[in-house]
Amino acid sequence: MTSDKGKLPAGLRADDEDDLLDEEEFEPEEYDTLLRLERLESVEEEMMELGITTLEEVRQRIADLHRELDERERTP
């Protein structure tokens, strides 16, 4: 990653180089695990923002929204 003189390529900081090296060491299985972790953390964040604490509440809100949309379609 560094040039002969020990300088980093333009726009690359030392921290970035370490991150790139770390990324190159990921195995496909580890990468997939990290992606799933990121997805689940995003779901958790969304649920917290919506005030939802259980999967049952998610399902209930989905059903409610489907009913609401169906009612709007029927109303002229």
C-alpha atoms as a PDB file:
ATOM      1  CA  MET A   1       0.000   0.000   0.000  1.00  0.00           C
ATOM      2  CA  THR A   2       2.848   2.390   0.581  1.00  0.00           C
ATOM      3  CA  SER A   3       5.260   3.667  -2.018  1.00  0.00           C
ATOM      4  CA  ASP A   4       9.012   3.105  -2.007  1.00  0.00           C
ATOM      5  CA  LYS A   5       9.477   6.231   0.103  1.00  0.00           C
ATOM      6  CA  GLY A   6       7.000   5.066   2.759  1.00  0.00           C
ATOM      7  CA  LYS A   7       4.368   7.577   1.708  1.00  0.00           C
ATOM      8  CA  LEU A   8       0.718   6.677   1.361  1.00  0.00           C
ATOM      9  CA  PRO A   9      -1.101   7.170  -1.941  1.00  0.00           C
ATOM     10  CA  ALA A  10      -2.821  10.545  -2.304  1.00  0.00           C
ATOM     11  CA  GLY A  11      -5.954  10.817  -0.163  1.00  0.00           C
ATOM     12  CA  LEU A  12      -5.178   7.744   1.923  1.00  0.00           C
ATOM     13  CA  ARG A  13      -4.522   8.114   5.650  1.00  0.00           C
ATOM     14  CA  ALA A  14      -2.673   5.621   7.831  1.00  0.00           C
ATOM     15  CA  ASP A  15      -5.995   4.587   9.403  1.00  0.00           C
ATOM     16  CA  ASP A  16      -7.400   3.859   5.949  1.00  0.00           C
ATOM     17  CA  GLU A  17      -4.468   1.637   5.099  1.00  0.00           C
ATOM     18  CA  ASP A  18      -4.998  -0.398   8.273  1.00  0.00           C
ATOM     19  CA  ASP A  19      -8.710  -0.749   7.436  1.00  0.00           C
ATOM     20  CA  LEU A  20      -7.883  -1.949   3.926  1.00  0.00           C
ATOM     21  CA  LEU A  21      -5.474  -4.525   5.288  1.00  0.00           C
ATOM     22  CA  ASP A  22      -8.107  -5.710   7.755  1.00  0.00           C
ATOM     23  CA  GLU A  23     -10.702  -6.008   4.964  1.00  0.00           C
ATOM     24  CA  GLU A  24      -8.332  -8.082   2.853  1.00  0.00           C
ATOM     25  CA  GLU A  25      -8.036 -10.573   5.718  1.00  0.00           C
ATOM     26  CA  PHE A  26     -11.804 -11.278   5.854  1.00  0.00           C
ATOM     27  CA  GLU A  27     -12.858 -14.731   4.819  1.00  0.00           C
ATOM     28  CA  PRO A  28     -16.119 -15.001   2.862  1.00  0.00           C
ATOM     29  CA  GLU A  29     -17.888 -16.655   5.805  1.00  0.00           C
ATOM     30  CA  GLU A  30     -16.747 -13.917   8.186  1.00  0.00           C
ATOM     31  CA  TYR A  31     -17.846 -11.249   5.717  1.00  0.00           C
ATOM     32  CA  ASP A  32     -21.301 -12.848   5.403  1.00  0.00           C
ATOM     33  CA  THR A  33     -21.573 -12.930   9.192  1.00  0.00           C
ATOM     34  CA  LEU A  34     -20.678  -9.251   9.397  1.00  0.00           C
ATOM     35  CA  LEU A  35     -23.312  -8.421   6.778  1.00  0.00           C
ATOM     36  CA  ARG A  36     -25.987 -10.318   8.727  1.00  0.00           C
ATOM     37  CA  LEU A  37     -24.916  -8.546  11.905  1.00  0.00           C
ATOM     38  CA  GLU A  38     -25.221  -5.169  10.197  1.00  0.00           C
ATOM     39  CA  ARG A  39     -28.698  -6.047   8.872  1.00  0.00           C
ATOM     40  CA  LEU A  40     -29.912  -7.161  12.292  1.00  0.00           C
ATOM     41  CA  GLU A  41     -28.517  -4.059  13.957  1.00  0.00           C
ATOM     42  CA  SER A  42     -30.364  -1.947  11.372  1.00  0.00           C
ATOM     43  CA  VAL A  43     -33.597  -3.834  12.082  1.00  0.00           C
ATOM     44  CA  GLU A  44     -33.114  -3.273  15.801  1.00  0.00           C
ATOM     45  CA  GLU A  45     -32.549   0.450  15.264  1.00  0.00           C
ATOM     46  CA  GLU A  46     -35.664   0.750  13.078  1.00  0.00           C
ATOM     47  CA  MET A  47     -37.767  -1.111  15.639  1.00  0.00           C
ATOM     48  CA  MET A  48     -36.559   1.178  18.415  1.00  0.00           C
ATOM     49  CA  GLU A  49     -37.384   4.260  16.321  1.00  0.00           C
ATOM     50  CA  LEU A  50     -40.893   2.897  15.683  1.00  0.00           C
ATOM     51  CA  GLY A  51     -41.422   1.927  19.314  1.00  0.00           C
ATOM     52  CA  ILE A  52     -41.752  -1.743  18.433  1.00  0.00           C
ATOM     53  CA  THR A  53     -40.346  -4.392  20.752  1.00  0.00           C
ATOM     54  CA  THR A  54     -41.573  -7.714  19.367  1.00  0.00           C
ATOM     55  CA  LEU A  55     -41.945  -9.491  16.051  1.00  0.00           C
ATOM     56  CA  GLU A  56     -45.662  -9.809  16.794  1.00  0.00           C
ATOM     57  CA  GLU A  57     -45.921  -6.003  16.921  1.00  0.00           C
ATOM     58  CA  VAL A  58     -44.147  -5.782  13.555  1.00  0.00           C
ATOM     59  CA  ARG A  59     -46.633  -8.228  12.061  1.00  0.00           C
ATOM     60  CA  GLN A  60     -49.587  -6.371  13.581  1.00  0.00           C
ATOM     61  CA  ARG A  61     -48.411  -3.023  12.203  1.00  0.00           C
ATOM     62  CA  ILE A  62     -47.902  -4.555   8.768  1.00  0.00           C
ATOM     63  CA  ALA A  63     -51.441  -5.955   8.823  1.00  0.00           C
ATOM     64  CA  ASP A  64     -52.824  -2.596  10.007  1.00  0.00           C
ATOM     65  CA  LEU A  65     -51.050  -0.734   7.224  1.00  0.00           C
ATOM     66  CA  HIS A  66     -52.289  -3.216   4.609  1.00  0.00           C
ATOM     67  CA  ARG A  67     -55.863  -2.694   5.862  1.00  0.00           C
ATOM     68  CA  GLU A  68     -55.389   1.083   5.777  1.00  0.00           C
ATOM     69  CA  LEU A  69     -54.128   0.963   2.191  1.00  0.00           C
ATOM     70  CA  ASP A  70     -56.959  -1.360   1.139  1.00  0.00           C
ATOM     71  CA  GLU A  71     -59.512   1.043   2.650  1.00  0.00           C
ATOM     72  CA  ARG A  72     -57.980   3.985   0.792  1.00  0.00           C
ATOM     73  CA  GLU A  73     -58.237   2.097  -2.503  1.00  0.00           C
ATOM     74  CA  ARG A  74     -61.946   1.403  -1.905  1.00  0.00           C
ATOM     75  CA  THR A  75     -62.761   5.004  -0.992  1.00  0.00           C
ATOM     76  CA  PRO A  76     -63.416   7.183  -4.081  1.00  0.00           C
END
